[in-house]
Amino acid sequence: MSQSTEHSFQARAEAFRALHREAGLFVIPNPWDAGSARVLASFGFKALATTSAGLAFALGKPDGHASITRAETLQNAQSIVAATHLPVAADLENGYGDEPETCAETILLAARAGLSGGSIEDATGNPHDPIYPFDLAVERVKAAVAAARSLPHPFTVTARAENLIYGRPDLADTLRRLEAFADAGADVLFAPGLKSREEIEAVVKTVAPRPVNVLMGFIGGSFSLEELEQLGVKRVSVGSSLVRAAYGGLFRAAEEIFQQGTFSYANEAKPYADLNKLFKSTD
């Protein structure tokens, strides 16, 4: 890594850390490749985050721990980092291993790839036992945080409690986990699947003053950014919703061709010249 590249990565990491300490809320949208990262950067977003589902779908695979390797994730993340000058955080799933030491190793590799942050979740990838036991989940976050703190520049660790999206609607246990993750040093707390005002408020209150990430872009996720900011949310991500929106357009276009034999979808497509101009520009 060149000295100038290393400086660029450090500057991004510091900018990313600062975003979490400034007043107000920010959106961290989720590109799935370099092109989608360039599109999102053109709108003026201040940071980006990868999506494991987006990468899996782009590779023609289902989302899930067994489908995408750590090497594939970091290679994809590097292409997104290289596409813009924005800080990029990564969806690092469960750290690509059960052991705390593996989570720590994954954090170090993520930082080496130029990432400014990353998330470690407490989902096992085992459908028969989807969530790690409490004590092991906390130890995994502690190891990730220790690895991040060993780096010469900031690396923002997000700890995710996955109960609500794995058929375990246990808010009390989710709050207990998030509080423990905060005590373990996690910089940001995240429980995907929060749906009500009361749930969001409970998370924000439990881990205060640590920042909270909330997922939007799912059916029923009807809060506006203004409402989320009023609830005390610091960061909003959109997960796989953008790649699903893109695939929705592809499905509609293909269905029109196959079923109707017409091509009116092209009237709504982004013009070739506009995309070419965007991708020729420098960030």
C-alpha atoms as a PDB file:
ATOM      1  CA  MET A   1       0.000   0.000   0.000  1.00  0.00           C
ATOM      2  CA  SER A   2       1.466   3.367  -0.996  1.00  0.00           C
ATOM      3  CA  GLN A   3       1.905   6.131   1.550  1.00  0.00           C
ATOM      4  CA  SER A   4      -0.638   8.333  -0.248  1.00  0.00           C
ATOM      5  CA  THR A   5      -3.177   5.500  -0.339  1.00  0.00           C
ATOM      6  CA  GLU A   6      -2.677   4.816   3.353  1.00  0.00           C
ATOM      7  CA  HIS A   7      -3.179   8.529   4.070  1.00  0.00           C
ATOM      8  CA  SER A   8      -6.396   8.485   2.019  1.00  0.00           C
ATOM      9  CA  PHE A   9      -7.710   5.500   3.982  1.00  0.00           C
ATOM     10  CA  GLN A  10      -6.871   7.188   7.287  1.00  0.00           C
ATOM     11  CA  ALA A  11      -8.582  10.411   6.224  1.00  0.00           C
ATOM     12  CA  ARG A  12     -11.714   8.486   5.283  1.00  0.00           C
ATOM     13  CA  ALA A  13     -11.658   6.555   8.546  1.00  0.00           C
ATOM     14  CA  GLU A  14     -11.393   9.790  10.524  1.00  0.00           C
ATOM     15  CA  ALA A  15     -14.198  11.385   8.488  1.00  0.00           C
ATOM     16  CA  PHE A  16     -16.378   8.343   9.124  1.00  0.00           C
ATOM     17  CA  ARG A  17     -15.758   8.470  12.855  1.00  0.00           C
ATOM     18  CA  ALA A  18     -16.582  12.191  12.834  1.00  0.00           C
ATOM     19  CA  LEU A  19     -19.940  11.578  11.131  1.00  0.00           C
ATOM     20  CA  HIS A  20     -21.026   9.577  14.173  1.00  0.00           C
ATOM     21  CA  ARG A  21     -20.059  12.378  16.534  1.00  0.00           C
ATOM     22  CA  GLU A  22     -21.622  15.304  14.705  1.00  0.00           C
ATOM     23  CA  ALA A  23     -25.121  16.525  15.448  1.00  0.00           C
ATOM     24  CA  GLY A  24     -27.976  15.070  13.453  1.00  0.00           C
ATOM     25  CA  LEU A  25     -28.646  11.936  11.453  1.00  0.00           C
ATOM     26  CA  PHE A  26     -26.946  10.672   8.300  1.00  0.00           C
ATOM     27  CA  VAL A  27     -27.876   8.067   5.699  1.00  0.00           C
ATOM     28  CA  ILE A  28     -25.381   5.382   4.746  1.00  0.00           C
ATOM     29  CA  PRO A  29     -26.800   3.726   1.604  1.00  0.00           C
ATOM     30  CA  ASN A  30     -25.694   0.277   0.472  1.00  0.00           C
ATOM     31  CA  PRO A  31     -24.103  -0.192  -2.961  1.00  0.00           C
ATOM     32  CA  TRP A  32     -23.380  -3.700  -4.182  1.00  0.00           C
ATOM     33  CA  ASP A  33     -20.590  -2.901  -6.662  1.00  0.00           C
ATOM     34  CA  ALA A  34     -18.365  -0.089  -7.902  1.00  0.00           C
ATOM     35  CA  GLY A  35     -20.959   1.250 -10.339  1.00  0.00           C
ATOM     36  CA  SER A  36     -23.727   1.539  -7.768  1.00  0.00           C
ATOM     37  CA  ALA A  37     -21.218   3.170  -5.408  1.00  0.00           C
ATOM     38  CA  ARG A  38     -20.463   5.826  -8.020  1.00  0.00           C
ATOM     39  CA  VAL A  39     -24.170   6.465  -8.530  1.00  0.00           C
ATOM     40  CA  LEU A  40     -24.791   6.913  -4.807  1.00  0.00           C
ATOM     41  CA  ALA A  41     -21.746   9.142  -4.368  1.00  0.00           C
ATOM     42  CA  SER A  42     -23.084  11.428  -7.111  1.00  0.00           C
ATOM     43  CA  PHE A  43     -26.063  12.271  -4.899  1.00  0.00           C
ATOM     44  CA  GLY A  44     -23.869  13.643  -2.133  1.00  0.00           C
ATOM     45  CA  PHE A  45     -24.125  10.893   0.483  1.00  0.00           C
ATOM     46  CA  LYS A  46     -21.285  11.158   2.988  1.00  0.00           C
ATOM     47  CA  ALA A  47     -20.511   7.461   3.436  1.00  0.00           C
ATOM     48  CA  LEU A  48     -21.380   4.063   2.002  1.00  0.00           C
ATOM     49  CA  ALA A  49     -21.851   0.559   3.384  1.00  0.00           C
ATOM     50  CA  THR A  50     -21.663  -2.749   1.571  1.00  0.00           C
ATOM     51  CA  THR A  51     -24.495  -5.280   1.534  1.00  0.00           C
ATOM     52  CA  SER A  52     -23.933  -9.019   1.830  1.00  0.00           C
ATOM     53  CA  ALA A  53     -27.239  -9.722   0.086  1.00  0.00           C
ATOM     54  CA  GLY A  54     -26.398  -7.327  -2.738  1.00  0.00           C
ATOM     55  CA  LEU A  55     -23.071  -9.043  -3.350  1.00  0.00           C
ATOM     56  CA  ALA A  56     -24.636 -12.501  -3.166  1.00  0.00           C
ATOM     57  CA  PHE A  57     -27.352 -11.590  -5.671  1.00  0.00           C
ATOM     58  CA  ALA A  58     -24.819  -9.981  -8.023  1.00  0.00           C
ATOM     59  CA  LEU A  59     -22.852 -13.256  -7.956  1.00  0.00           C
ATOM     60  CA  GLY A  60     -25.990 -15.279  -8.603  1.00  0.00           C
ATOM     61  CA  LYS A  61     -26.035 -16.745  -5.107  1.00  0.00           C
ATOM     62  CA  PRO A  62     -28.504 -16.655  -2.211  1.00  0.00           C
ATOM     63  CA  ASP A  63     -27.701 -14.479   0.777  1.00  0.00           C
ATOM     64  CA  GLY A  64     -26.334 -16.326   3.780  1.00  0.00           C
ATOM     65  CA  HIS A  65     -23.114 -17.030   5.630  1.00  0.00           C
ATOM     66  CA  ALA A  66     -22.235 -20.114   3.593  1.00  0.00           C
ATOM     67  CA  SER A  67     -22.644 -18.528   0.172  1.00  0.00           C
ATOM     68  CA  ILE A  68     -20.077 -15.719   0.205  1.00  0.00           C
ATOM     69  CA  THR A  69     -16.521 -16.115   1.437  1.00  0.00           C
ATOM     70  CA  ARG A  70     -14.550 -13.542   3.364  1.00  0.00           C
ATOM     71  CA  ALA A  71     -12.199 -13.161   0.409  1.00  0.00           C
ATOM     72  CA  GLU A  72     -15.112 -12.423  -1.934  1.00  0.00           C
ATOM     73  CA  THR A  73     -16.552  -9.910   0.504  1.00  0.00           C
ATOM     74  CA  LEU A  74     -13.273  -8.033   0.901  1.00  0.00           C
ATOM     75  CA  GLN A  75     -12.555  -8.071  -2.826  1.00  0.00           C
ATOM     76  CA  ASN A  76     -15.979  -6.540  -3.472  1.00  0.00           C
ATOM     77  CA  ALA A  77     -15.412  -4.021  -0.693  1.00  0.00           C
ATOM     78  CA  GLN A  78     -12.084  -2.995  -2.217  1.00  0.00           C
ATOM     79  CA  SER A  79     -13.767  -2.277  -5.547  1.00  0.00           C
ATOM     80  CA  ILE A  80     -16.337  -0.096  -3.785  1.00  0.00           C
ATOM     81  CA  VAL A  81     -13.626   1.706  -1.786  1.00  0.00           C
ATOM     82  CA  ALA A  82     -11.706   2.382  -5.005  1.00  0.00           C
ATOM     83  CA  ALA A  83     -14.790   3.716  -6.803  1.00  0.00           C
ATOM     84  CA  THR A  84     -15.176   6.891  -4.715  1.00  0.00           C
ATOM     85  CA  HIS A  85     -13.408   8.986  -2.089  1.00  0.00           C
ATOM     86  CA  LEU A  86     -16.110   8.272   0.496  1.00  0.00           C
ATOM     87  CA  PRO A  87     -15.658   6.262   3.686  1.00  0.00           C
ATOM     88  CA  VAL A  88     -16.962   2.724   3.270  1.00  0.00           C
ATOM     89  CA  ALA A  89     -18.112   0.342   5.993  1.00  0.00           C
ATOM     90  CA  ALA A  90     -18.595  -3.350   5.328  1.00  0.00           C
ATOM     91  CA  ASP A  91     -21.215  -5.915   6.186  1.00  0.00           C
ATOM     92  CA  LEU A  92     -18.842  -8.508   7.629  1.00  0.00           C
ATOM     93  CA  GLU A  93     -21.677 -10.892   8.524  1.00  0.00           C
ATOM     94  CA  ASN A  94     -20.680 -13.005  11.542  1.00  0.00           C
ATOM     95  CA  GLY A  95     -16.990 -12.259  11.070  1.00  0.00           C
ATOM     96  CA  TYR A  96     -16.664 -15.423   8.940  1.00  0.00           C
ATOM     97  CA  GLY A  97     -16.141 -17.702  11.873  1.00  0.00           C
ATOM     98  CA  ASP A  98     -17.478 -18.612  15.286  1.00  0.00           C
ATOM     99  CA  GLU A  99     -14.400 -17.836  17.322  1.00  0.00           C
ATOM    100  CA  PRO A 100     -13.639 -14.350  18.693  1.00  0.00           C
ATOM    101  CA  GLU A 101     -10.143 -14.638  17.197  1.00  0.00           C
ATOM    102  CA  THR A 102     -11.636 -14.997  13.723  1.00  0.00           C
ATOM    103  CA  CYS A 103     -13.726 -11.863  14.220  1.00  0.00           C
ATOM    104  CA  ALA A 104     -10.581  -9.990  15.216  1.00  0.00           C
ATOM    105  CA  GLU A 105      -8.716 -11.255  12.155  1.00  0.00           C
ATOM    106  CA  THR A 106     -11.596 -10.197   9.906  1.00  0.00           C
ATOM    107  CA  ILE A 107     -11.524  -6.662  11.322  1.00  0.00           C
ATOM    108  CA  LEU A 108      -7.788  -6.377  10.624  1.00  0.00           C
ATOM    109  CA  LEU A 109      -8.226  -7.651   7.069  1.00  0.00           C
ATOM    110  CA  ALA A 110     -11.106  -5.237   6.506  1.00  0.00           C
ATOM    111  CA  ALA A 111      -8.980  -2.310   7.618  1.00  0.00           C
ATOM    112  CA  ARG A 112      -6.177  -3.479   5.329  1.00  0.00           C
ATOM    113  CA  ALA A 113      -8.671  -3.457   2.447  1.00  0.00           C
ATOM    114  CA  GLY A 114      -9.254   0.257   3.023  1.00  0.00           C
ATOM    115  CA  LEU A 115     -12.529   0.023   4.879  1.00  0.00           C
ATOM    116  CA  SER A 116     -13.426   2.629   7.493  1.00  0.00           C
ATOM    117  CA  GLY A 117     -15.663   0.367   9.531  1.00  0.00           C
ATOM    118  CA  GLY A 118     -17.478  -2.927   9.621  1.00  0.00           C
ATOM    119  CA  SER A 119     -20.216  -4.829  11.398  1.00  0.00           C
ATOM    120  CA  ILE A 120     -20.102  -8.071  13.364  1.00  0.00           C
ATOM    121  CA  GLU A 121     -23.401  -9.816  13.980  1.00  0.00           C
ATOM    122  CA  ASP A 122     -24.488 -12.429  16.487  1.00  0.00           C
ATOM    123  CA  ALA A 123     -26.134 -14.670  13.883  1.00  0.00           C
ATOM    124  CA  THR A 124     -24.460 -18.075  13.529  1.00  0.00           C
ATOM    125  CA  GLY A 125     -25.524 -18.998  10.011  1.00  0.00           C
ATOM    126  CA  ASN A 126     -26.945 -22.221  11.434  1.00  0.00           C
ATOM    127  CA  PRO A 127     -30.714 -22.354  10.775  1.00  0.00           C
ATOM    128  CA  HIS A 128     -31.179 -24.770  13.668  1.00  0.00           C
ATOM    129  CA  ASP A 129     -29.415 -22.504  16.164  1.00  0.00           C
ATOM    130  CA  PRO A 130     -29.404 -19.055  14.549  1.00  0.00           C
ATOM    131  CA  ILE A 131     -28.076 -16.840  17.361  1.00  0.00           C
ATOM    132  CA  TYR A 132     -24.848 -17.194  19.309  1.00  0.00           C
ATOM    133  CA  PRO A 133     -25.156 -17.670  23.093  1.00  0.00           C
ATOM    134  CA  PHE A 134     -25.007 -14.371  24.950  1.00  0.00           C
ATOM    135  CA  ASP A 135     -21.530 -14.745  26.460  1.00  0.00           C
ATOM    136  CA  LEU A 136     -19.926 -15.869  23.202  1.00  0.00           C
ATOM    137  CA  ALA A 137     -21.655 -13.057  21.310  1.00  0.00           C
ATOM    138  CA  VAL A 138     -20.172 -10.509  23.716  1.00  0.00           C
ATOM    139  CA  GLU A 139     -16.694 -12.038  23.534  1.00  0.00           C
ATOM    140  CA  ARG A 140     -16.806 -11.847  19.730  1.00  0.00           C
ATOM    141  CA  VAL A 141     -17.594  -8.115  19.890  1.00  0.00           C
ATOM    142  CA  LYS A 142     -14.836  -7.565  22.469  1.00  0.00           C
ATOM    143  CA  ALA A 143     -12.329  -9.245  20.151  1.00  0.00           C
ATOM    144  CA  ALA A 144     -13.464  -7.174  17.185  1.00  0.00           C
ATOM    145  CA  VAL A 145     -13.171  -3.966  19.193  1.00  0.00           C
ATOM    146  CA  ALA A 146      -9.708  -4.900  20.493  1.00  0.00           C
ATOM    147  CA  ALA A 147      -8.536  -5.539  16.932  1.00  0.00           C
ATOM    148  CA  ALA A 148      -9.950  -2.205  15.780  1.00  0.00           C
ATOM    149  CA  ARG A 149      -8.254  -0.364  18.644  1.00  0.00           C
ATOM    150  CA  SER A 150      -4.907  -1.915  17.712  1.00  0.00           C
ATOM    151  CA  LEU A 151      -4.944  -0.140  14.352  1.00  0.00           C
ATOM    152  CA  PRO A 152      -3.077   3.137  13.753  1.00  0.00           C
ATOM    153  CA  HIS A 153      -6.245   4.844  12.553  1.00  0.00           C
ATOM    154  CA  PRO A 154      -9.922   4.706  13.579  1.00  0.00           C
ATOM    155  CA  PHE A 155     -12.033   1.741  12.554  1.00  0.00           C
ATOM    156  CA  THR A 156     -15.708   2.013  13.462  1.00  0.00           C
ATOM    157  CA  VAL A 157     -17.116  -1.268  14.777  1.00  0.00           C
ATOM    158  CA  THR A 158     -20.859  -1.830  14.517  1.00  0.00           C
ATOM    159  CA  ALA A 159     -22.294  -4.633  16.662  1.00  0.00           C
ATOM    160  CA  ARG A 160     -25.502  -6.213  15.404  1.00  0.00           C
ATOM    161  CA  ALA A 161     -28.118  -8.119  17.407  1.00  0.00           C
ATOM    162  CA  GLU A 162     -30.014 -10.286  14.923  1.00  0.00           C
ATOM    163  CA  ASN A 163     -32.855 -11.776  16.998  1.00  0.00           C
ATOM    164  CA  LEU A 164     -35.646  -9.894  15.284  1.00  0.00           C
ATOM    165  CA  ILE A 165     -34.840 -11.059  11.751  1.00  0.00           C
ATOM    166  CA  TYR A 166     -34.235 -14.682  12.734  1.00  0.00           C
ATOM    167  CA  GLY A 167     -37.630 -15.524  14.150  1.00  0.00           C
ATOM    168  CA  ARG A 168     -36.807 -14.526  17.722  1.00  0.00           C
ATOM    169  CA  PRO A 169     -38.986 -11.483  18.491  1.00  0.00           C
ATOM    170  CA  ASP A 170     -37.426 -11.075  21.916  1.00  0.00           C
ATOM    171  CA  LEU A 171     -36.891  -7.358  22.369  1.00  0.00           C
ATOM    172  CA  ALA A 172     -35.713  -7.746  25.960  1.00  0.00           C
ATOM    173  CA  ASP A 173     -32.896 -10.098  24.941  1.00  0.00           C
ATOM    174  CA  THR A 174     -32.059  -7.860  21.984  1.00  0.00           C
ATOM    175  CA  LEU A 175     -31.720  -4.850  24.295  1.00  0.00           C
ATOM    176  CA  ARG A 176     -29.612  -6.884  26.727  1.00  0.00           C
ATOM    177  CA  ARG A 177     -27.279  -7.866  23.924  1.00  0.00           C
ATOM    178  CA  LEU A 178     -26.996  -4.353  22.522  1.00  0.00           C
ATOM    179  CA  GLU A 179     -26.238  -2.947  25.960  1.00  0.00           C
ATOM    180  CA  ALA A 180     -23.534  -5.564  26.485  1.00  0.00           C
ATOM    181  CA  PHE A 181     -22.080  -4.873  23.037  1.00  0.00           C
ATOM    182  CA  ALA A 182     -21.939  -1.172  23.897  1.00  0.00           C
ATOM    183  CA  ASP A 183     -20.211  -1.979  27.181  1.00  0.00           C
ATOM    184  CA  ALA A 184     -17.768  -4.129  25.188  1.00  0.00           C
ATOM    185  CA  GLY A 185     -16.753  -1.034  23.234  1.00  0.00           C
ATOM    186  CA  ALA A 186     -18.786  -1.233  20.036  1.00  0.00           C
ATOM    187  CA  ASP A 187     -18.942   2.177  18.362  1.00  0.00           C
ATOM    188  CA  VAL A 188     -22.399   1.730  16.806  1.00  0.00           C
ATOM    189  CA  LEU A 189     -25.314  -0.519  17.777  1.00  0.00           C
ATOM    190  CA  PHE A 190     -27.698  -2.076  15.279  1.00  0.00           C
ATOM    191  CA  ALA A 191     -30.714  -4.375  15.596  1.00  0.00           C
ATOM    192  CA  PRO A 192     -32.179  -4.972  12.139  1.00  0.00           C
ATOM    193  CA  GLY A 193     -35.918  -5.589  12.226  1.00  0.00           C
ATOM    194  CA  LEU A 194     -37.020  -2.755  14.497  1.00  0.00           C
ATOM    195  CA  LYS A 195     -40.477  -1.748  13.275  1.00  0.00           C
ATOM    196  CA  SER A 196     -42.201   0.418  15.836  1.00  0.00           C
ATOM    197  CA  ARG A 197     -41.481   3.790  17.361  1.00  0.00           C
ATOM    198  CA  GLU A 198     -41.406   2.168  20.788  1.00  0.00           C
ATOM    199  CA  GLU A 199     -38.790  -0.413  19.725  1.00  0.00           C
ATOM    200  CA  ILE A 200     -36.522   2.223  18.218  1.00  0.00           C
ATOM    201  CA  GLU A 201     -36.845   4.479  21.247  1.00  0.00           C
ATOM    202  CA  ALA A 202     -36.038   1.558  23.552  1.00  0.00           C
ATOM    203  CA  VAL A 203     -32.816   0.776  21.659  1.00  0.00           C
ATOM    204  CA  VAL A 204     -31.697   4.409  21.563  1.00  0.00           C
ATOM    205  CA  LYS A 205     -32.339   4.803  25.289  1.00  0.00           C
ATOM    206  CA  THR A 206     -30.661   1.523  26.232  1.00  0.00           C
ATOM    207  CA  VAL A 207     -27.324   2.201  24.534  1.00  0.00           C
ATOM    208  CA  ALA A 208     -27.184   5.997  24.893  1.00  0.00           C
ATOM    209  CA  PRO A 209     -24.979   7.872  24.249  1.00  0.00           C
ATOM    210  CA  ARG A 210     -23.643   5.352  21.686  1.00  0.00           C
ATOM    211  CA  PRO A 211     -25.034   5.919  18.168  1.00  0.00           C
ATOM    212  CA  VAL A 212     -27.722   3.645  16.764  1.00  0.00           C
ATOM    213  CA  ASN A 213     -28.106   2.455  13.175  1.00  0.00           C
ATOM    214  CA  VAL A 214     -31.628   1.706  11.966  1.00  0.00           C
ATOM    215  CA  LEU A 215     -32.519  -0.229   8.823  1.00  0.00           C
ATOM    216  CA  MET A 216     -35.088   1.218   6.436  1.00  0.00           C
ATOM    217  CA  GLY A 217     -36.208   0.195   2.962  1.00  0.00           C
ATOM    218  CA  PHE A 218     -38.328  -2.788   3.959  1.00  0.00           C
ATOM    219  CA  ILE A 219     -42.081  -3.165   3.578  1.00  0.00           C
ATOM    220  CA  GLY A 220     -43.695  -1.435   6.533  1.00  0.00           C
ATOM    221  CA  GLY A 221     -40.644   0.707   7.243  1.00  0.00           C
ATOM    222  CA  SER A 222     -42.516   3.953   6.887  1.00  0.00           C
ATOM    223  CA  PHE A 223     -40.535   6.327   9.113  1.00  0.00           C
ATOM    224  CA  SER A 224     -39.140   9.449   7.487  1.00  0.00           C
ATOM    225  CA  LEU A 225     -35.607  10.642   8.158  1.00  0.00           C
ATOM    226  CA  GLU A 226     -37.041  13.527  10.142  1.00  0.00           C
ATOM    227  CA  GLU A 227     -39.009  11.140  12.369  1.00  0.00           C
ATOM    228  CA  LEU A 228     -36.003   8.885  12.893  1.00  0.00           C
ATOM    229  CA  GLU A 229     -33.840  11.837  13.873  1.00  0.00           C
ATOM    230  CA  GLN A 230     -36.465  12.904  16.397  1.00  0.00           C
ATOM    231  CA  LEU A 231     -36.291   9.392  17.874  1.00  0.00           C
ATOM    232  CA  GLY A 232     -32.549   9.823  18.401  1.00  0.00           C
ATOM    233  CA  VAL A 233     -31.306   7.629  15.538  1.00  0.00           C
ATOM    234  CA  LYS A 234     -27.843   8.585  14.297  1.00  0.00           C
ATOM    235  CA  ARG A 235     -27.446   6.469  11.159  1.00  0.00           C
ATOM    236  CA  VAL A 236     -29.851   4.947   8.622  1.00  0.00           C
ATOM    237  CA  SER A 237     -28.904   2.147   6.228  1.00  0.00           C
ATOM    238  CA  VAL A 238     -31.081   0.528   3.578  1.00  0.00           C
ATOM    239  CA  GLY A 239     -29.608  -2.980   3.340  1.00  0.00           C
ATOM    240  CA  SER A 240     -30.532  -4.899   0.208  1.00  0.00           C
ATOM    241  CA  SER A 241     -33.392  -2.593  -0.756  1.00  0.00           C
ATOM    242  CA  LEU A 242     -31.466  -0.716  -3.458  1.00  0.00           C
ATOM    243  CA  VAL A 243     -30.223  -3.848  -5.194  1.00  0.00           C
ATOM    244  CA  ARG A 244     -33.745  -5.269  -4.938  1.00  0.00           C
ATOM    245  CA  ALA A 245     -35.115  -2.081  -6.495  1.00  0.00           C
ATOM    246  CA  ALA A 246     -32.607  -2.447  -9.335  1.00  0.00           C
ATOM    247  CA  TYR A 247     -33.536  -6.085  -9.849  1.00  0.00           C
ATOM    248  CA  GLY A 248     -37.200  -5.083  -9.722  1.00  0.00           C
ATOM    249  CA  GLY A 249     -36.609  -2.865 -12.754  1.00  0.00           C
ATOM    250  CA  LEU A 250     -34.786  -5.713 -14.525  1.00  0.00           C
ATOM    251  CA  PHE A 251     -37.625  -8.139 -13.814  1.00  0.00           C
ATOM    252  CA  ARG A 252     -40.236  -5.713 -15.120  1.00  0.00           C
ATOM    253  CA  ALA A 253     -38.253  -5.068 -18.295  1.00  0.00           C
ATOM    254  CA  ALA A 254     -37.629  -8.759 -18.963  1.00  0.00           C
ATOM    255  CA  GLU A 255     -41.272  -9.638 -18.286  1.00  0.00           C
ATOM    256  CA  GLU A 256     -42.426  -6.981 -20.760  1.00  0.00           C
ATOM    257  CA  ILE A 257     -40.131  -8.346 -23.476  1.00  0.00           C
ATOM    258  CA  PHE A 258     -40.992 -11.984 -22.819  1.00  0.00           C
ATOM    259  CA  GLN A 259     -44.717 -11.656 -22.136  1.00  0.00           C
ATOM    260  CA  GLN A 260     -45.775  -8.692 -24.296  1.00  0.00           C
ATOM    261  CA  GLY A 261     -43.084  -8.462 -26.938  1.00  0.00           C
ATOM    262  CA  THR A 262     -42.709  -4.719 -26.353  1.00  0.00           C
ATOM    263  CA  PHE A 263     -39.908  -2.458 -25.129  1.00  0.00           C
ATOM    264  CA  SER A 264     -41.551   0.498 -23.427  1.00  0.00           C
ATOM    265  CA  TYR A 265     -39.424  -0.126 -20.318  1.00  0.00           C
ATOM    266  CA  ALA A 266     -36.641   1.704 -22.158  1.00  0.00           C
ATOM    267  CA  ASN A 267     -38.591   4.964 -21.763  1.00  0.00           C
ATOM    268  CA  GLU A 268     -37.960   4.800 -18.005  1.00  0.00           C
ATOM    269  CA  ALA A 269     -34.352   3.607 -18.243  1.00  0.00           C
ATOM    270  CA  LYS A 270     -31.517   5.926 -17.343  1.00  0.00           C
ATOM    271  CA  PRO A 271     -30.125   7.308 -20.617  1.00  0.00           C
ATOM    272  CA  TYR A 272     -26.890   5.755 -21.853  1.00  0.00           C
ATOM    273  CA  ALA A 273     -25.242   9.156 -22.186  1.00  0.00           C
ATOM    274  CA  ASP A 274     -26.051  10.081 -18.591  1.00  0.00           C
ATOM    275  CA  LEU A 275     -24.500   6.898 -17.220  1.00  0.00           C
ATOM    276  CA  ASN A 276     -21.468   7.205 -19.462  1.00  0.00           C
ATOM    277  CA  LYS A 277     -20.966  10.791 -18.315  1.00  0.00           C
ATOM    278  CA  LEU A 278     -21.233   9.767 -14.666  1.00  0.00           C
ATOM    279  CA  PHE A 279     -18.729   6.948 -14.982  1.00  0.00           C
ATOM    280  CA  LYS A 280     -16.279   9.134 -16.934  1.00  0.00           C
ATOM    281  CA  SER A 281     -16.287  11.759 -14.188  1.00  0.00           C
ATOM    282  CA  THR A 282     -13.930  11.676 -11.230  1.00  0.00           C
ATOM    283  CA  ASP A 283     -15.328  11.539  -7.717  1.00  0.00           C
END
